[in-house]
Every structure is written in structure tokens, then in C-alpha cells.
Amino acid sequence: MMVINLISRARHLICLALLFLIFSKCKTISNDTIQAVQFYHTLPFVKNNGQVYLQNDSVNIYYYKNLIFFRKPYQNLQRVQQRDQQEHVFDTLVNGTIGYKYFLYKQNNLWGLTFDSLSILTGKVHRVDSFLTTTVFGNVKFYNNSNDSLIDIEEMETETVLEKHIPKIKYDRSYPDSIYFFLDKKLVHLKYVLSGELDSVRQSKLFKIVSIYNSFYDTLHKLQMPRREFVFGIKQIKIDNKKEILSFLVDFDKANLQTQKSGY
């Protein structure tokens, strides 16, 4: 009888210990802070017939301690067979399921890691500047203090303003005819930066940019180029799969894994 009581008590203590560990892990994760921001852009492309089609894309960015984590969706294309009116069989690509690619780096590091899944903590080494250039236009200087000329300021709502600029000199066709900067003091807590210089000068947060190119006749391609707007922006978002992402970042941080090339 005494042995049975001891076994029962031991099982009870083990259950309590397990519950404590589970509770502690949940509490640790729930107390960790993570900020999620989405970078989005719209690029207008002109077809040979002068029509414009818009390419929209976005990437989610998560900030946890000194870690910066990107989650970029992509479309899995599927090859299917079709028949034309003459019963000729041909292959075509159609949109399939949506997948995700991931990139993680530690703040101020030159190298990061790419992941195909959140189920493992090891990834492929990749340069940070190269990734930022191809994903969020990291090589583009959206605000140029020496060449941008402020022509108008419009108050949109409380602590939100629209600044309209034009370039002093259009060195080539890559320079827009005008550029609109949207700033909001309520968003200064966002960690992503579109222009650190403009944020600092205005004591606000630049959250949207619209570069406008007026219509003109392209003599080289003999085509009337329509008016185009290139849009870049950021917005704070809710984390739809917070448990999965935060668990991955917490585990990566606890493992103290290296994202530097020398670490591999």
C-alpha cells in the first residue's frame, strides 16, 4: 500500500513538473515582444501597345530582439495539359498553391540565412545587402535632400501629412516628375525605415512613397508612354501565425546560432 502511494505521489509530482514547464514556456513566449511590418510596392509596366499592367508584391518583416526576419510569399506554378480547338495538346502553367521563403539576419550583420521551412534552424548563408536590394529595393534612396525640392504640404488627418516634391534636376528618365511623401507621427514606433534622413528631419515616420512619371512620347521605342505611379509603403500588420514564427525566433535566439559567414 505504501509503495502504491509513493508511486501515485511520484506521478503527481511529475505531472506538476510537466505542467510547470509547459506553463513556463508559454509564459516566456507570450511575454516576448515581436513587431510585424509589411513592405509593399506597386510597379507599373508598359506593354508594347502602350497599355499598363501593375505588379503588386509584398513581404512581411518581423522584429524580435536583435533579429530581423522576412517572410515572402511565392506562387507555386503547376504545369497542366490543355487542348485547343484543333485538338492540339499543349502544356501551360497555371497558378497553384502559395508557399513561403524566409530570410533571417542579426542586426548590423553582413550575412544572413535563407530558409525554406520553419521546421529547422539551419539555413543557407546569404548576403544581407543582396537580399534587401532584390526584396525591398534596399539600394534605392527614396529621399534625396540635395535634389528634392518641397513644393507643397497637405495635412491629411491628425499627425499625418503629405509632402509634394519635385526634383531640381532630372538627370535622366529614372528621375520622377514629382514624388509624394506620406508621413505620420503616430507610426514612429515602427522599426522599418524607408528614409532615416526624412524621419529624423520631420520627427515623423515616412510610410508611403508615390513616384509619378508624366506621360511623354518615347522617340526610341516610338511609343506614347502613359502616366505611371510607382508606389512603395509600409504598414503595421497582425501576425496571423504568431505562435509558429515566435517559436522559431525564440528557439533560434536561445540556440545563439550564427548568421555570419564565418560562423559556418
Protein backbone atom coordinates (compact mmCIF):
# COMPACT_ATOMS: atom_id res chain seq x y z
CA MET A 1 0.00 0.00 0.00
CA MET A 2 2.83 2.29 0.90
CA VAL A 3 4.55 1.54 -2.42
CA ILE A 4 1.36 2.37 -4.33
CA ASN A 5 1.06 5.69 -2.50
CA LEU A 6 4.68 6.55 -3.29
CA ILE A 7 4.17 5.73 -6.98
CA SER A 8 0.98 7.79 -7.08
CA ARG A 9 2.71 10.70 -5.41
CA ALA A 10 5.66 10.46 -7.81
CA ARG A 11 3.31 10.53 -10.80
CA HIS A 12 1.56 13.53 -9.32
CA LEU A 13 4.86 15.40 -8.91
CA ILE A 14 5.92 14.52 -12.46
CA CYS A 15 2.62 15.85 -13.83
CA LEU A 16 3.05 19.06 -11.86
CA ALA A 17 6.61 19.44 -13.17
CA LEU A 18 5.48 18.94 -16.74
CA LEU A 19 2.66 21.44 -16.32
CA PHE A 20 5.13 23.93 -14.84
CA LEU A 21 7.50 23.52 -17.80
CA ILE A 22 4.68 23.93 -20.32
CA PHE A 23 3.31 26.96 -18.48
CA SER A 24 6.78 28.50 -18.22
CA LYS A 25 7.42 28.07 -21.96
CA CYS A 26 4.03 29.53 -22.86
CA LYS A 27 4.58 32.41 -20.46
CA THR A 28 8.04 33.08 -21.90
CA ILE A 29 6.73 33.15 -25.46
CA SER A 30 3.70 35.27 -24.60
CA ASN A 31 5.86 37.85 -22.84
CA ASP A 32 8.29 38.19 -25.75
CA THR A 33 7.57 41.20 -27.93
CA ILE A 34 7.58 40.94 -31.70
CA GLN A 35 6.75 43.68 -34.20
CA ALA A 36 5.38 42.86 -37.64
CA VAL A 37 5.57 45.26 -40.59
CA GLN A 38 4.65 44.71 -44.21
CA PHE A 39 6.63 46.29 -47.02
CA TYR A 40 4.56 46.56 -50.21
CA HIS A 41 5.02 48.02 -53.64
CA THR A 42 3.19 48.54 -56.93
CA LEU A 43 5.21 48.76 -60.14
CA PRO A 44 3.59 49.81 -63.45
CA PHE A 45 4.97 48.13 -66.58
CA VAL A 46 4.16 49.32 -70.07
CA LYS A 47 3.40 46.81 -72.81
CA ASN A 48 4.33 47.29 -76.47
CA ASN A 49 0.82 48.54 -77.20
CA GLY A 50 1.09 51.25 -74.55
CA GLN A 51 -1.15 49.56 -72.01
CA VAL A 52 -0.05 49.44 -68.37
CA TYR A 53 -0.18 46.39 -66.15
CA LEU A 54 0.53 46.60 -62.44
CA GLN A 55 2.81 44.26 -60.50
CA ASN A 56 1.92 44.13 -56.80
CA ASP A 57 4.13 42.43 -54.26
CA SER A 58 4.78 42.44 -50.52
CA VAL A 59 6.95 40.90 -47.83
CA ASN A 60 6.31 40.61 -44.10
CA ILE A 61 9.09 41.67 -41.74
CA TYR A 62 9.28 40.62 -38.08
CA TYR A 63 11.46 42.20 -35.40
CA TYR A 64 12.42 40.18 -32.34
CA LYS A 65 15.25 41.40 -30.08
CA ASN A 66 18.21 41.85 -32.48
CA LEU A 67 16.77 39.50 -35.10
CA ILE A 68 15.12 40.69 -38.33
CA PHE A 69 13.04 38.05 -40.09
CA PHE A 70 11.45 38.16 -43.56
CA ARG A 71 8.56 36.03 -44.80
CA LYS A 72 7.99 36.32 -48.55
CA PRO A 73 5.16 34.51 -50.37
CA TYR A 74 5.58 32.94 -53.77
CA GLN A 75 3.25 31.18 -56.18
CA ASN A 76 3.82 27.53 -57.00
CA LEU A 77 3.20 27.14 -60.73
CA GLN A 78 1.65 23.93 -61.95
CA ARG A 79 2.02 22.50 -65.46
CA VAL A 80 -1.25 21.26 -66.95
CA GLN A 81 -2.19 19.94 -70.39
CA GLN A 82 -4.82 21.69 -72.46
CA ARG A 83 -6.33 21.26 -75.93
CA ASP A 84 -7.08 23.91 -78.50
CA GLN A 85 -9.98 23.89 -80.99
CA GLN A 86 -7.97 21.67 -83.36
CA GLU A 87 -7.43 19.16 -80.54
CA HIS A 88 -3.72 20.01 -80.33
CA VAL A 89 -2.35 19.20 -76.88
CA PHE A 90 -0.07 21.77 -75.25
CA ASP A 91 1.31 22.45 -71.79
CA THR A 92 0.59 25.63 -69.89
CA LEU A 93 1.48 26.98 -66.47
CA VAL A 94 -1.24 27.93 -64.01
CA ASN A 95 -1.08 29.33 -60.50
CA GLY A 96 -1.03 26.70 -57.78
CA THR A 97 -0.55 26.85 -54.04
CA ILE A 98 1.19 29.68 -52.20
CA GLY A 99 4.48 28.91 -50.47
CA TYR A 100 6.87 30.99 -48.39
CA LYS A 101 10.57 31.74 -48.36
CA TYR A 102 12.28 33.04 -45.22
CA PHE A 103 15.33 35.17 -44.52
CA LEU A 104 16.83 35.94 -41.12
CA TYR A 105 19.73 38.08 -40.01
CA LYS A 106 21.02 39.72 -36.85
CA GLN A 107 21.01 43.49 -36.77
CA ASN A 108 24.19 45.03 -38.25
CA ASN A 109 25.42 41.68 -39.61
CA LEU A 110 26.55 41.42 -43.23
CA TRP A 111 25.34 37.85 -43.67
CA GLY A 112 22.04 36.15 -43.02
CA LEU A 113 20.32 32.82 -43.59
CA THR A 114 17.63 31.74 -46.02
CA PHE A 115 15.09 29.05 -45.07
CA ASP A 116 12.55 27.01 -46.99
CA SER A 117 10.80 25.90 -43.80
CA LEU A 118 10.44 26.88 -40.15
CA SER A 119 10.91 23.30 -39.03
CA ILE A 120 14.72 23.56 -38.98
CA LEU A 121 17.10 26.18 -37.59
CA THR A 122 19.85 25.78 -40.18
CA GLY A 123 19.74 27.72 -43.43
CA LYS A 124 21.82 28.78 -46.40
CA VAL A 125 24.19 31.73 -45.96
CA HIS A 126 23.23 34.82 -47.99
CA ARG A 127 24.44 38.42 -48.06
CA VAL A 128 22.08 40.87 -46.36
CA ASP A 129 22.60 43.74 -48.81
CA SER A 130 21.91 41.48 -51.79
CA PHE A 131 18.67 40.23 -50.24
CA LEU A 132 17.48 43.73 -49.30
CA THR A 133 18.24 45.02 -52.81
CA THR A 134 16.15 42.37 -54.56
CA THR A 135 13.34 42.26 -51.98
CA VAL A 136 12.76 45.77 -50.59
CA PHE A 137 14.77 47.97 -53.01
CA GLY A 138 17.45 48.43 -50.38
CA ASN A 139 19.75 50.20 -52.86
CA VAL A 140 17.20 52.91 -53.69
CA LYS A 141 17.48 56.29 -51.99
CA PHE A 142 13.84 57.38 -51.89
CA TYR A 143 14.59 60.84 -50.48
CA ASN A 144 17.42 62.98 -51.85
CA ASN A 145 17.82 66.13 -49.78
CA SER A 146 20.21 67.74 -52.25
CA ASN A 147 17.93 67.31 -55.27
CA ASP A 148 14.37 67.06 -53.90
CA SER A 149 12.52 70.37 -53.72
CA LEU A 150 9.47 70.68 -51.44
CA ILE A 151 6.62 72.49 -53.23
CA ASP A 152 3.56 71.78 -51.09
CA ILE A 153 2.45 70.30 -47.75
CA GLU A 154 -1.05 68.98 -47.22
CA GLU A 155 -2.43 67.98 -43.83
CA MET A 156 -4.46 64.80 -44.34
CA GLU A 157 -5.52 63.95 -40.78
CA THR A 158 -4.20 64.22 -37.24
CA GLU A 159 -0.39 63.99 -37.33
CA THR A 160 -0.43 62.78 -40.95
CA VAL A 161 0.88 64.96 -43.77
CA LEU A 162 1.55 64.68 -47.48
CA GLU A 163 4.65 66.39 -48.81
CA LYS A 164 4.89 67.02 -52.54
CA HIS A 165 8.37 67.25 -54.03
CA ILE A 166 9.87 67.74 -57.47
CA PRO A 167 13.49 67.12 -58.49
CA LYS A 168 15.62 70.20 -59.02
CA ILE A 169 17.38 68.40 -61.85
CA LYS A 170 16.17 65.38 -63.85
CA TYR A 171 19.49 63.81 -64.76
CA ASP A 172 17.81 61.02 -66.73
CA ARG A 173 14.44 59.30 -67.17
CA SER A 174 14.83 57.35 -63.95
CA TYR A 175 14.05 60.56 -62.04
CA PRO A 176 10.31 61.11 -61.45
CA ASP A 177 8.48 64.29 -62.40
CA SER A 178 7.14 64.52 -58.86
CA ILE A 179 7.25 62.45 -55.70
CA TYR A 180 4.79 62.33 -52.82
CA PHE A 181 5.91 61.51 -49.28
CA PHE A 182 3.31 60.44 -46.71
CA LEU A 183 4.38 60.88 -43.08
CA ASP A 184 2.64 60.00 -39.82
CA LYS A 185 3.88 60.85 -36.31
CA LYS A 186 1.72 58.03 -34.89
CA LEU A 187 3.91 55.48 -36.66
CA VAL A 188 7.31 56.49 -35.28
CA HIS A 189 7.40 53.27 -33.25
CA LEU A 190 7.73 51.20 -36.45
CA LYS A 191 11.27 49.86 -36.80
CA TYR A 192 11.37 49.63 -40.58
CA VAL A 193 12.84 52.73 -42.22
CA LEU A 194 12.13 53.99 -45.74
CA SER A 195 14.21 57.13 -45.21
CA GLY A 196 16.08 57.66 -41.96
CA GLU A 197 17.03 61.17 -43.05
CA LEU A 198 13.45 62.29 -43.67
CA ASP A 199 12.20 60.60 -40.49
CA SER A 200 14.84 62.43 -38.46
CA VAL A 201 14.27 65.85 -40.04
CA ARG A 202 10.47 65.67 -39.76
CA GLN A 203 10.40 63.81 -36.44
CA SER A 204 7.83 61.53 -38.04
CA LYS A 205 7.63 58.24 -39.95
CA LEU A 206 7.67 58.05 -43.73
CA PHE A 207 5.19 55.27 -44.50
CA LYS A 208 4.32 55.71 -48.18
CA ILE A 209 6.02 57.00 -51.31
CA VAL A 210 4.44 57.67 -54.71
CA SER A 211 6.82 58.45 -57.58
CA ILE A 212 4.94 59.97 -60.51
CA TYR A 213 6.10 59.92 -64.11
CA ASN A 214 4.12 62.08 -66.50
CA SER A 215 3.11 60.94 -69.96
CA PHE A 216 5.65 61.54 -72.74
CA TYR A 217 6.47 60.31 -76.22
CA ASP A 218 9.34 57.82 -76.28
CA THR A 219 11.16 58.51 -79.54
CA LEU A 220 13.41 55.48 -79.12
CA HIS A 221 10.55 52.99 -78.94
CA LYS A 222 8.10 55.23 -80.86
CA LEU A 223 5.55 54.84 -78.12
CA GLN A 224 3.40 57.23 -76.13
CA MET A 225 4.30 56.41 -72.54
CA PRO A 226 1.29 56.81 -70.22
CA ARG A 227 1.35 58.44 -66.81
CA ARG A 228 2.73 55.97 -64.23
CA GLU A 229 2.82 55.80 -60.44
CA PHE A 230 5.36 53.71 -58.55
CA VAL A 231 4.15 53.06 -55.00
CA PHE A 232 6.25 51.91 -52.03
CA GLY A 233 5.00 51.68 -48.48
CA ILE A 234 4.99 50.05 -45.07
CA LYS A 235 2.20 49.26 -42.63
CA GLN A 236 1.96 47.51 -39.30
CA ILE A 237 0.19 44.16 -39.53
CA LYS A 238 -1.19 41.50 -37.24
CA ILE A 239 0.73 38.24 -37.08
CA ASP A 240 -1.53 35.55 -38.47
CA ASN A 241 0.75 32.69 -37.38
CA LYS A 242 2.39 34.30 -34.37
CA LYS A 243 2.92 31.08 -32.41
CA GLU A 244 4.87 29.41 -35.22
CA ILE A 245 7.02 32.43 -36.09
CA LEU A 246 7.71 33.46 -32.50
CA SER A 247 8.58 29.90 -31.52
CA PHE A 248 11.10 29.76 -34.38
CA LEU A 249 12.69 33.09 -33.41
CA VAL A 250 12.81 32.21 -29.70
CA ASP A 251 14.46 28.86 -30.44
CA PHE A 252 16.94 30.49 -32.83
CA ASP A 253 17.81 33.15 -30.26
CA LYS A 254 18.22 30.61 -27.43
CA ALA A 255 20.44 28.43 -29.59
CA ASN A 256 22.63 31.52 -30.16
CA LEU A 257 23.14 30.44 -33.77
CA GLN A 258 25.41 32.47 -36.00
CA THR A 259 24.23 34.20 -39.16
CA GLN A 260 27.72 35.39 -40.09
CA LYS A 261 29.54 33.58 -42.89
CA SER A 262 32.44 32.96 -40.53
CA GLY A 263 30.07 31.01 -38.28
CA TYR A 264 29.80 28.35 -40.92
